[in-house]
PDB file of N, CA and C in Angstrom:
ATOM      1  N   ALA A   1       2.391  16.825   5.057  1.00  0.00           N
ATOM      2  CA  ALA A   1       2.926  17.747   6.045  1.00  0.00           C
ATOM      3  C   ALA A   1       3.395  16.990   7.294  1.00  0.00           C
ATOM      4  N   ARG A   2       2.679  15.909   7.616  1.00  0.00           N
ATOM      5  CA  ARG A   2       3.043  15.138   8.807  1.00  0.00           C
ATOM      6  C   ARG A   2       4.392  14.459   8.630  1.00  0.00           C
ATOM      7  N   VAL A   3       4.611  13.829   7.485  1.00  0.00           N
ATOM      8  CA  VAL A   3       5.889  13.167   7.228  1.00  0.00           C
ATOM      9  C   VAL A   3       7.012  14.196   7.185  1.00  0.00           C
ATOM     10  N   PHE A   4       6.753  15.333   6.564  1.00  0.00           N
ATOM     11  CA  PHE A   4       7.734  16.413   6.509  1.00  0.00           C
ATOM     12  C   PHE A   4       8.144  16.817   7.922  1.00  0.00           C
ATOM     13  N   GLU A   5       7.166  17.001   8.793  1.00  0.00           N
ATOM     14  CA  GLU A   5       7.454  17.436  10.163  1.00  0.00           C
ATOM     15  C   GLU A   5       8.212  16.361  10.938  1.00  0.00           C
ATOM     16  N   VAL A   6       7.843  15.099  10.770  1.00  0.00           N
ATOM     17  CA  VAL A   6       8.562  14.010  11.440  1.00  0.00           C
ATOM     18  C   VAL A   6      10.009  13.995  10.974  1.00  0.00           C
ATOM     19  N   CYS A   7      10.221  14.083   9.670  1.00  0.00           N
ATOM     20  CA  CYS A   7      11.583  14.040   9.119  1.00  0.00           C
ATOM     21  C   CYS A   7      12.418  15.221   9.601  1.00  0.00           C
ATOM     22  N   ARG A   8      11.827  16.395   9.602  1.00  0.00           N
ATOM     23  CA  ARG A   8      12.566  17.604   9.966  1.00  0.00           C
ATOM     24  C   ARG A   8      12.790  17.701  11.469  1.00  0.00           C
ATOM     25  N   SER A   9      11.717  17.598  12.240  1.00  0.00           N
ATOM     26  CA  SER A   9      11.810  17.870  13.678  1.00  0.00           C
ATOM     27  C   SER A   9      12.264  16.677  14.510  1.00  0.00           C
ATOM     28  N   LYS A  10      11.721  15.511  14.227  1.00  0.00           N
ATOM     29  CA  LYS A  10      12.014  14.357  15.072  1.00  0.00           C
ATOM     30  C   LYS A  10      13.235  13.571  14.614  1.00  0.00           C
ATOM     31  N   LEU A  11      13.503  13.568  13.299  1.00  0.00           N
ATOM     32  CA  LEU A  11      14.631  12.791  12.781  1.00  0.00           C
ATOM     33  C   LEU A  11      15.820  13.654  12.373  1.00  0.00           C
ATOM     34  N   GLY A  12      15.625  14.967  12.296  1.00  0.00           N
ATOM     35  CA  GLY A  12      16.712  15.870  11.941  1.00  0.00           C
ATOM     36  C   GLY A  12      17.202  15.713  10.510  1.00  0.00           C
ATOM     37  N   LEU A  13      16.316  15.264   9.613  1.00  0.00           N
ATOM     38  CA  LEU A  13      16.715  15.090   8.215  1.00  0.00           C
ATOM     39  C   LEU A  13      16.570  16.402   7.448  1.00  0.00           C
ATOM     40  N   ASN A  14      17.427  16.601   6.488  1.00  0.00           N
ATOM     41  CA  ASN A  14      17.348  17.770   5.624  1.00  0.00           C
ATOM     42  C   ASN A  14      16.177  17.556   4.668  1.00  0.00           C
ATOM     43  N   THR A  15      15.140  18.368   4.789  1.00  0.00           N
ATOM     44  CA  THR A  15      13.932  18.185   3.992  1.00  0.00           C
ATOM     45  C   THR A  15      13.590  19.434   3.213  1.00  0.00           C
ATOM     46  N   GLU A  16      12.821  19.242   2.162  1.00  0.00           N
ATOM     47  CA  GLU A  16      12.355  20.350   1.340  1.00  0.00           C
ATOM     48  C   GLU A  16      10.949  20.012   0.862  1.00  0.00           C
ATOM     49  N   MET A  17      10.012  20.917   1.074  1.00  0.00           N
ATOM     50  CA  MET A  17       8.630  20.699   0.662  1.00  0.00           C
ATOM     51  C   MET A  17       8.469  21.142  -0.787  1.00  0.00           C
ATOM     52  N   LEU A  18       7.897  20.271  -1.608  1.00  0.00           N
ATOM     53  CA  LEU A  18       7.618  20.633  -2.992  1.00  0.00           C
ATOM     54  C   LEU A  18       6.432  21.587  -3.039  1.00  0.00           C
ATOM     55  N   PRO A  19       6.396  22.508  -4.009  1.00  0.00           N
ATOM     56  CA  PRO A  19       5.240  23.399  -4.130  1.00  0.00           C
ATOM     57  C   PRO A  19       3.966  22.586  -4.377  1.00  0.00           C
ATOM     58  N   ASP A  20       2.825  23.113  -3.939  1.00  0.00           N
ATOM     59  CA  ASP A  20       1.549  22.419  -4.120  1.00  0.00           C
ATOM     60  C   ASP A  20       1.233  22.112  -5.574  1.00  0.00           C
ATOM     61  N   ASN A  21       1.735  22.923  -6.488  1.00  0.00           N
ATOM     62  CA  ASN A  21       1.427  22.723  -7.907  1.00  0.00           C
ATOM     63  C   ASN A  21       2.397  21.762  -8.594  1.00  0.00           C
ATOM     64  N   SER A  22       3.258  21.130  -7.824  1.00  0.00           N
ATOM     65  CA  SER A  22       4.227  20.191  -8.379  1.00  0.00           C
ATOM     66  C   SER A  22       3.828  18.776  -8.014  1.00  0.00           C
ATOM     67  N   ASN A  23       3.841  17.870  -9.001  1.00  0.00           N
ATOM     68  CA  ASN A  23       3.535  16.484  -8.655  1.00  0.00           C
ATOM     69  C   ASN A  23       4.800  15.748  -8.239  1.00  0.00           C
ATOM     70  N   GLY A  24       5.947  16.370  -8.346  1.00  0.00           N
ATOM     71  CA  GLY A  24       7.191  15.794  -7.870  1.00  0.00           C
ATOM     72  C   GLY A  24       7.577  14.488  -8.531  1.00  0.00           C
ATOM     73  N   GLY A  25       6.990  14.207  -9.664  1.00  0.00           N
ATOM     74  CA  GLY A  25       7.301  12.963 -10.349  1.00  0.00           C
ATOM     75  C   GLY A  25       6.316  11.853 -10.052  1.00  0.00           C
ATOM     76  N   ALA A  26       5.319  12.146  -9.215  1.00  0.00           N
ATOM     77  CA  ALA A  26       4.306  11.126  -8.915  1.00  0.00           C
ATOM     78  C   ALA A  26       3.537  10.794 -10.187  1.00  0.00           C
ATOM     79  N   SER A  27       3.020   9.583 -10.230  1.00  0.00           N
ATOM     80  CA  SER A  27       2.310   9.163 -11.439  1.00  0.00           C
ATOM     81  C   SER A  27       0.937   8.627 -11.094  1.00  0.00           C
ATOM     82  N   GLU A  28       0.192   8.274 -12.137  1.00  0.00           N
ATOM     83  CA  GLU A  28      -1.180   7.817 -11.918  1.00  0.00           C
ATOM     84  C   GLU A  28      -1.250   6.536 -11.101  1.00  0.00           C
ATOM     85  N   ASP A  29      -0.251   5.667 -11.178  1.00  0.00           N
ATOM     86  CA  ASP A  29      -0.307   4.439 -10.382  1.00  0.00           C
ATOM     87  C   ASP A  29      -0.293   4.763  -8.893  1.00  0.00           C
ATOM     88  N   TYR A  30       0.526   5.727  -8.488  1.00  0.00           N
ATOM     89  CA  TYR A  30       0.519   6.138  -7.090  1.00  0.00           C
ATOM     90  C   TYR A  30      -0.820   6.793  -6.753  1.00  0.00           C
ATOM     91  N   SER A  31      -1.326   7.632  -7.633  1.00  0.00           N
ATOM     92  CA  SER A  31      -2.583   8.339  -7.367  1.00  0.00           C
ATOM     93  C   SER A  31      -3.739   7.373  -7.148  1.00  0.00           C
ATOM     94  N   PHE A  32      -3.833   6.335  -7.965  1.00  0.00           N
ATOM     95  CA  PHE A  32      -4.895   5.347  -7.800  1.00  0.00           C
ATOM     96  C   PHE A  32      -4.768   4.624  -6.460  1.00  0.00           C
ATOM     97  N   MET A  33      -3.560   4.197  -6.129  1.00  0.00           N
ATOM     98  CA  MET A  33      -3.337   3.502  -4.872  1.00  0.00           C
ATOM     99  C   MET A  33      -3.643   4.418  -3.681  1.00  0.00           C
ATOM    100  N   SER A  34      -3.184   5.646  -3.748  1.00  0.00           N
ATOM    101  CA  SER A  34      -3.396   6.600  -2.673  1.00  0.00           C
ATOM    102  C   SER A  34      -4.890   6.871  -2.472  1.00  0.00           C
ATOM    103  N   ASP A  35      -5.615   7.076  -3.555  1.00  0.00           N
ATOM    104  CA  ASP A  35      -7.065   7.311  -3.457  1.00  0.00           C
ATOM    105  C   ASP A  35      -7.760   6.136  -2.782  1.00  0.00           C
ATOM    106  N   ARG A  36      -7.357   4.921  -3.121  1.00  0.00           N
ATOM    107  CA  ARG A  36      -7.959   3.724  -2.532  1.00  0.00           C
ATOM    108  C   ARG A  36      -7.655   3.637  -1.038  1.00  0.00           C
ATOM    109  N   VAL A  37      -6.415   3.892  -0.667  1.00  0.00           N
ATOM    110  CA  VAL A  37      -6.030   3.857   0.748  1.00  0.00           C
ATOM    111  C   VAL A  37      -6.851   4.874   1.538  1.00  0.00           C
ATOM    112  N   ILE A  38      -6.955   6.087   1.020  1.00  0.00           N
ATOM    113  CA  ILE A  38      -7.693   7.150   1.705  1.00  0.00           C
ATOM    114  C   ILE A  38      -9.181   6.816   1.772  1.00  0.00           C
ATOM    115  N   SER A  39      -9.746   6.237   0.699  1.00  0.00           N
ATOM    116  CA  SER A  39     -11.171   5.881   0.694  1.00  0.00           C
ATOM    117  C   SER A  39     -11.491   4.821   1.749  1.00  0.00           C
ATOM    118  N   LEU A  40     -10.502   4.050   2.152  1.00  0.00           N
ATOM    119  CA  LEU A  40     -10.685   3.025   3.184  1.00  0.00           C
ATOM    120  C   LEU A  40     -10.287   3.523   4.573  1.00  0.00           C
ATOM    121  N   GLY A  41     -10.054   4.838   4.701  1.00  0.00           N
ATOM    122  CA  GLY A  41      -9.757   5.428   6.000  1.00  0.00           C
ATOM    123  C   GLY A  41      -8.280   5.512   6.340  1.00  0.00           C
ATOM    124  N   GLY A  42      -7.409   5.148   5.395  1.00  0.00           N
ATOM    125  CA  GLY A  42      -5.974   5.187   5.644  1.00  0.00           C
ATOM    126  C   GLY A  42      -5.365   6.542   5.333  1.00  0.00           C
ATOM    127  N   GLN A  43      -4.055   6.615   5.467  1.00  0.00           N
ATOM    128  CA  GLN A  43      -3.311   7.829   5.153  1.00  0.00           C
ATOM    129  C   GLN A  43      -2.294   7.501   4.074  1.00  0.00           C
ATOM    130  N   SER A  44      -1.976   8.469   3.247  1.00  0.00           N
ATOM    131  CA  SER A  44      -1.042   8.250   2.156  1.00  0.00           C
ATOM    132  C   SER A  44      -0.149   9.469   1.975  1.00  0.00           C
ATOM    133  N   CYS A  45       1.083   9.199   1.577  1.00  0.00           N
ATOM    134  CA  CYS A  45       2.035  10.287   1.365  1.00  0.00           C
ATOM    135  C   CYS A  45       3.022   9.880   0.281  1.00  0.00           C
ATOM    136  N   TYR A  46       3.383  10.801  -0.559  1.00  0.00           N
ATOM    137  CA  TYR A  46       4.396  10.569  -1.581  1.00  0.00           C
ATOM    138  C   TYR A  46       5.580  11.460  -1.250  1.00  0.00           C
ATOM    139  N   PHE A  47       6.761  10.872  -1.195  1.00  0.00           N
ATOM    140  CA  PHE A  47       7.945  11.717  -1.024  1.00  0.00           C
ATOM    141  C   PHE A  47       9.075  11.167  -1.863  1.00  0.00           C
ATOM    142  N   MET A  48       9.945  12.073  -2.263  1.00  0.00           N
ATOM    143  CA  MET A  48      11.098  11.697  -3.073  1.00  0.00           C
ATOM    144  C   MET A  48      12.295  11.564  -2.144  1.00  0.00           C
ATOM    145  N   ASN A  49      13.073  10.538  -2.366  1.00  0.00           N
ATOM    146  CA  ASN A  49      14.193  10.248  -1.483  1.00  0.00           C
ATOM    147  C   ASN A  49      15.459  10.118  -2.328  1.00  0.00           C
ATOM    148  N   MET A  50      16.107  11.223  -2.543  1.00  0.00           N
ATOM    149  CA  MET A  50      17.345  11.173  -3.319  1.00  0.00           C
ATOM    150  C   MET A  50      18.099  12.483  -3.173  1.00  0.00           C
ATOM    151  N   SER A  51      19.336  12.463  -3.542  1.00  0.00           N
ATOM    152  CA  SER A  51      20.102  13.695  -3.543  1.00  0.00           C
ATOM    153  C   SER A  51      19.776  14.467  -4.815  1.00  0.00           C
ATOM    154  N   ARG A  52      20.118  15.712  -4.814  1.00  0.00           N
ATOM    155  CA  ARG A  52      19.863  16.539  -6.001  1.00  0.00           C
ATOM    156  C   ARG A  52      20.632  15.959  -7.191  1.00  0.00           C
ATOM    157  N   ASN A  53      19.977  15.964  -8.311  1.00  0.00           N
ATOM    158  CA  ASN A  53      20.560  15.396  -9.519  1.00  0.00           C
ATOM    159  C   ASN A  53      20.068  16.222 -10.696  1.00  0.00           C
ATOM    160  N   PRO A  54      20.937  16.583 -11.624  1.00  0.00           N
ATOM    161  CA  PRO A  54      20.500  17.422 -12.741  1.00  0.00           C
ATOM    162  C   PRO A  54      19.585  16.700 -13.736  1.00  0.00           C
ATOM    163  N   GLU A  55      19.565  15.397 -13.715  1.00  0.00           N
ATOM    164  CA  GLU A  55      18.722  14.647 -14.647  1.00  0.00           C
ATOM    165  C   GLU A  55      17.375  14.308 -14.026  1.00  0.00           C
ATOM    166  N   VAL A  56      16.378  14.184 -14.868  1.00  0.00           N
ATOM    167  CA  VAL A  56      15.044  13.831 -14.390  1.00  0.00           C
ATOM    168  C   VAL A  56      14.951  12.326 -14.170  1.00  0.00           C
ATOM    169  N   ILE A  57      13.965  11.933 -13.353  1.00  0.00           N
ATOM    170  CA  ILE A  57      13.722  10.514 -13.123  1.00  0.00           C
ATOM    171  C   ILE A  57      13.253   9.884 -14.436  1.00  0.00           C
ATOM    172  N   HIS A  58      13.448   8.588 -14.594  1.00  0.00           N
ATOM    173  CA  HIS A  58      13.089   7.835 -15.811  1.00  0.00           C
ATOM    174  C   HIS A  58      13.885   8.338 -17.014  1.00  0.00           C
ATOM    175  N   ASN A  59      15.149   8.562 -16.798  1.00  0.00           N
ATOM    176  CA  ASN A  59      16.054   9.029 -17.838  1.00  0.00           C
ATOM    177  C   ASN A  59      17.317   8.173 -17.726  1.00  0.00           C
ATOM    178  N   GLU A  60      17.858   7.737 -18.839  1.00  0.00           N
ATOM    179  CA  GLU A  60      19.034   6.864 -18.802  1.00  0.00           C
ATOM    180  C   GLU A  60      20.259   7.535 -18.173  1.00  0.00           C
ATOM    181  N   LEU A  61      20.257   8.850 -18.032  1.00  0.00           N
ATOM    182  CA  LEU A  61      21.376   9.559 -17.411  1.00  0.00           C
ATOM    183  C   LEU A  61      21.177   9.791 -15.912  1.00  0.00           C
ATOM    184  N   PHE A  62      20.004   9.433 -15.401  1.00  0.00           N
ATOM    185  CA  PHE A  62      19.721   9.627 -13.981  1.00  0.00           C
ATOM    186  C   PHE A  62      20.634   8.736 -13.146  1.00  0.00           C
ATOM    187  N   ASP A  63      21.187   9.290 -12.080  1.00  0.00           N
ATOM    188  CA  ASP A  63      22.103   8.557 -11.211  1.00  0.00           C
ATOM    189  C   ASP A  63      21.594   8.666  -9.781  1.00  0.00           C
ATOM    190  N   PHE A  64      20.986   7.595  -9.280  1.00  0.00           N
ATOM    191  CA  PHE A  64      20.455   7.575  -7.927  1.00  0.00           C
ATOM    192  C   PHE A  64      21.585   7.534  -6.913  1.00  0.00           C
ATOM    193  N   ALA A  65      21.451   8.281  -5.855  1.00  0.00           N
ATOM    194  CA  ALA A  65      22.464   8.310  -4.794  1.00  0.00           C
ATOM    195  C   ALA A  65      22.112   7.265  -3.749  1.00  0.00           C
ATOM    196  N   GLU A  66      22.791   6.130  -3.793  1.00  0.00           N
ATOM    197  CA  GLU A  66      22.491   5.019  -2.893  1.00  0.00           C
ATOM    198  C   GLU A  66      22.552   5.403  -1.423  1.00  0.00           C
ATOM    199  N   GLU A  67      23.425   6.323  -1.078  1.00  0.00           N
ATOM    200  CA  GLU A  67      23.542   6.722   0.326  1.00  0.00           C
ATOM    201  C   GLU A  67      22.246   7.362   0.844  1.00  0.00           C
ATOM    202  N   SER A  68      21.407   7.850  -0.051  1.00  0.00           N
ATOM    203  CA  SER A  68      20.143   8.445   0.395  1.00  0.00           C
ATOM    204  C   SER A  68      19.139   7.389   0.853  1.00  0.00           C
ATOM    205  N   LEU A  69      19.391   6.118   0.554  1.00  0.00           N
ATOM    206  CA  LEU A  69      18.494   5.047   1.005  1.00  0.00           C
ATOM    207  C   LEU A  69      18.415   4.998   2.536  1.00  0.00           C
ATOM    208  N   ILE A  70      19.501   5.332   3.208  1.00  0.00           N
ATOM    209  CA  ILE A  70      19.504   5.339   4.673  1.00  0.00           C
ATOM    210  C   ILE A  70      18.452   6.317   5.196  1.00  0.00           C
ATOM    211  N   ASN A  71      18.411   7.506   4.622  1.00  0.00           N
ATOM    212  CA  ASN A  71      17.422   8.488   5.055  1.00  0.00           C
ATOM    213  C   ASN A  71      16.010   8.055   4.671  1.00  0.00           C
ATOM    214  N   GLY A  72      15.859   7.338   3.565  1.00  0.00           N
ATOM    215  CA  GLY A  72      14.550   6.823   3.186  1.00  0.00           C
ATOM    216  C   GLY A  72      14.016   5.847   4.215  1.00  0.00           C
ATOM    217  N   VAL A  73      14.877   4.951   4.689  1.00  0.00           N
ATOM    218  CA  VAL A  73      14.478   4.000   5.730  1.00  0.00           C
ATOM    219  C   VAL A  73      14.122   4.752   7.016  1.00  0.00           C
ATOM    220  N   LYS A  74      14.917   5.748   7.367  1.00  0.00           N
ATOM    221  CA  LYS A  74      14.612   6.546   8.558  1.00  0.00           C
ATOM    222  C   LYS A  74      13.256   7.235   8.418  1.00  0.00           C
ATOM    223  N   ALA A  75      12.979   7.789   7.233  1.00  0.00           N
ATOM    224  CA  ALA A  75      11.719   8.503   7.013  1.00  0.00           C
ATOM    225  C   ALA A  75      10.530   7.554   7.109  1.00  0.00           C
ATOM    226  N   PHE A  76      10.605   6.395   6.428  1.00  0.00           N
ATOM    227  CA  PHE A  76       9.504   5.431   6.491  1.00  0.00           C
ATOM    228  C   PHE A  76       9.276   4.954   7.927  1.00  0.00           C
ATOM    229  N   ALA A  77      10.344   4.562   8.605  1.00  0.00           N
ATOM    230  CA  ALA A  77      10.221   4.051   9.965  1.00  0.00           C
ATOM    231  C   ALA A  77       9.729   5.138  10.917  1.00  0.00           C
ATOM    232  N   GLY A  78      10.242   6.344  10.763  1.00  0.00           N
ATOM    233  CA  GLY A  78       9.825   7.449  11.624  1.00  0.00           C
ATOM    234  C   GLY A  78       8.368   7.809  11.428  1.00  0.00           C
ATOM    235  N   ALA A  79       7.915   7.833  10.174  1.00  0.00           N
ATOM    236  CA  ALA A  79       6.505   8.141   9.898  1.00  0.00           C
ATOM    237  C   ALA A  79       5.605   7.042  10.443  1.00  0.00           C
ATOM    238  N   ALA A  80       5.993   5.787  10.253  1.00  0.00           N
ATOM    239  CA  ALA A  80       5.198   4.666  10.769  1.00  0.00           C
ATOM    240  C   ALA A  80       5.123   4.718  12.293  1.00  0.00           C
ATOM    241  N   ALA A  81       6.231   4.978  12.943  1.00  0.00           N
ATOM    242  CA  ALA A  81       6.252   5.058  14.403  1.00  0.00           C
ATOM    243  C   ALA A  81       5.386   6.209  14.883  1.00  0.00           C
ATOM    244  N   ASP A  82       5.435   7.333  14.200  1.00  0.00           N
ATOM    245  CA  ASP A  82       4.645   8.500  14.579  1.00  0.00           C
ATOM    246  C   ASP A  82       3.147   8.184  14.523  1.00  0.00           C
ATOM    247  N   VAL A  83       2.733   7.479  13.474  1.00  0.00           N
ATOM    248  CA  VAL A  83       1.315   7.116  13.341  1.00  0.00           C
ATOM    249  C   VAL A  83       0.921   6.118  14.424  1.00  0.00           C
ATOM    250  N   MET A  84       1.754   5.115  14.656  1.00  0.00           N
ATOM    251  CA  MET A  84       1.420   4.080  15.648  1.00  0.00           C
ATOM    252  C   MET A  84       1.407   4.633  17.066  1.00  0.00           C
ATOM    253  N   ILE A  85       2.338   5.509  17.378  1.00  0.00           N
ATOM    254  CA  ILE A  85       2.417   6.074  18.735  1.00  0.00           C
ATOM    255  C   ILE A  85       1.214   6.959  19.011  1.00  0.00           C
ATOM    256  N   GLU A  86       0.787   7.743  18.001  1.00  0.00           N
ATOM    257  CA  GLU A  86      -0.338   8.651  18.193  1.00  0.00           C
ATOM    258  C   GLU A  86      -1.642   7.892  18.363  1.00  0.00           C
ATOM    259  N   ASP A  87      -1.786   6.810  17.590  1.00  0.00           N
ATOM    260  CA  ASP A  87      -3.045   6.048  17.636  1.00  0.00           C
ATOM    261  C   ASP A  87      -3.017   5.178  18.841  1.00  0.00           C
TER     262      ASP A  87
END
């Protein structure tokens, strides 16, 4: 929710929250890493950074929108700055 709010309110990025019952394509490797980070007192967030595409991820027909990388960098940097400024 924090990253969503930073992206929407502070960075003006077009964002969409996935339903709670959706893993959004996250996998067990992320889950293990996230659990470890949280167990050590850190924070973790998974977000998808791409334009809408009719194909699913990990599919030979999937076409990543390179222009969305700019917003990904903004989101990572904005979230990091938000955490550092607050602490």
